[in-house]
Amino acid sequence: MSESNQSNAPKENSRNGDPNEKIADFDWAGFKAKYDDAMAKCLESERALYEEFNLLTEVICLLSQRSEYDI
């Protein structure tokens, strides 16, 4: 095996290595913080869309009432 191929070979203690090797602890607090931030942005976006929808429906209602009298 050439030297360049040896550097690409899996290491003995890598993911594919020893099944008894301890897996690093997962940062659940960091994961939850990222999730909460993402959900807050989604909620903010949904609120803005909801407000815009309500304003547009009010305008449509006003226009439809006005057109009844203009006919």
Protein backbone atom coordinates (compact mmCIF):
# COMPACT_ATOMS: atom_id res chain seq x y z
CA MET A 1 0.00 0.00 0.00
CA SER A 2 1.40 3.41 -0.91
CA GLU A 3 1.87 6.10 1.72
CA SER A 4 -0.99 8.25 0.32
CA ASN A 5 -3.41 5.31 0.56
CA GLN A 6 -2.36 4.62 4.15
CA SER A 7 -3.45 8.12 5.23
CA ASN A 8 -6.95 7.43 3.84
CA ALA A 9 -7.25 4.10 5.63
CA PRO A 10 -9.66 4.09 8.60
CA LYS A 11 -7.99 4.57 11.95
CA GLU A 12 -8.27 1.80 14.47
CA ASN A 13 -10.22 3.89 17.00
CA SER A 14 -12.49 5.64 14.50
CA ARG A 15 -16.23 5.13 14.10
CA ASN A 16 -15.61 1.89 12.25
CA GLY A 17 -13.12 0.74 14.85
CA ASP A 18 -13.60 -0.80 18.26
CA PRO A 19 -17.32 -1.25 19.08
CA ASN A 20 -16.50 -0.99 22.78
CA GLU A 21 -15.11 2.53 22.36
CA LYS A 22 -17.12 5.09 24.34
CA ILE A 23 -19.13 7.48 22.20
CA ALA A 24 -18.65 11.14 23.04
CA ASP A 25 -21.49 12.68 25.07
CA PHE A 26 -24.02 14.67 23.05
CA ASP A 27 -24.63 18.32 23.93
CA TRP A 28 -28.38 18.11 24.53
CA ALA A 29 -28.52 21.57 26.14
CA GLY A 30 -26.89 23.11 23.06
CA PHE A 31 -29.20 21.14 20.79
CA LYS A 32 -32.26 22.35 22.73
CA ALA A 33 -31.03 25.95 22.58
CA LYS A 34 -30.60 25.74 18.80
CA TYR A 35 -34.04 24.13 18.48
CA ASP A 36 -35.66 26.82 20.65
CA ASP A 37 -34.01 29.58 18.59
CA ALA A 38 -35.19 28.03 15.33
CA MET A 39 -38.73 27.61 16.65
CA ALA A 40 -38.80 31.22 17.90
CA LYS A 41 -37.85 32.43 14.41
CA CYS A 42 -40.57 30.26 12.87
CA LEU A 43 -43.15 31.51 15.35
CA GLU A 44 -42.17 35.11 14.63
CA SER A 45 -42.48 34.49 10.90
CA GLU A 46 -45.87 32.79 11.32
CA ARG A 47 -47.18 35.68 13.43
CA ALA A 48 -46.15 38.16 10.74
CA LEU A 49 -47.89 36.08 8.06
CA TYR A 50 -51.01 35.80 10.21
CA GLU A 51 -51.12 39.59 10.76
CA GLU A 52 -50.66 40.22 7.03
CA PHE A 53 -53.42 37.72 6.21
CA ASN A 54 -55.78 39.43 8.67
CA LEU A 55 -55.07 42.86 7.16
CA LEU A 56 -55.62 41.58 3.64
CA THR A 57 -58.91 39.94 4.58
CA GLU A 58 -60.09 43.20 6.18
CA VAL A 59 -59.24 45.07 2.98
CA ILE A 60 -61.07 42.49 0.88
CA CYS A 61 -64.12 42.73 3.13
CA LEU A 62 -64.10 46.53 2.90
CA LEU A 63 -63.73 46.43 -0.88
CA SER A 64 -66.51 43.91 -1.27
CA GLN A 65 -68.85 46.04 0.89
CA ARG A 66 -68.01 49.15 -1.09
CA SER A 67 -68.55 47.46 -4.45
CA GLU A 68 -72.05 46.41 -3.36
CA TYR A 69 -73.05 50.06 -3.15
CA ASP A 70 -71.20 51.18 -6.28
CA ILE A 71 -73.09 48.80 -8.58
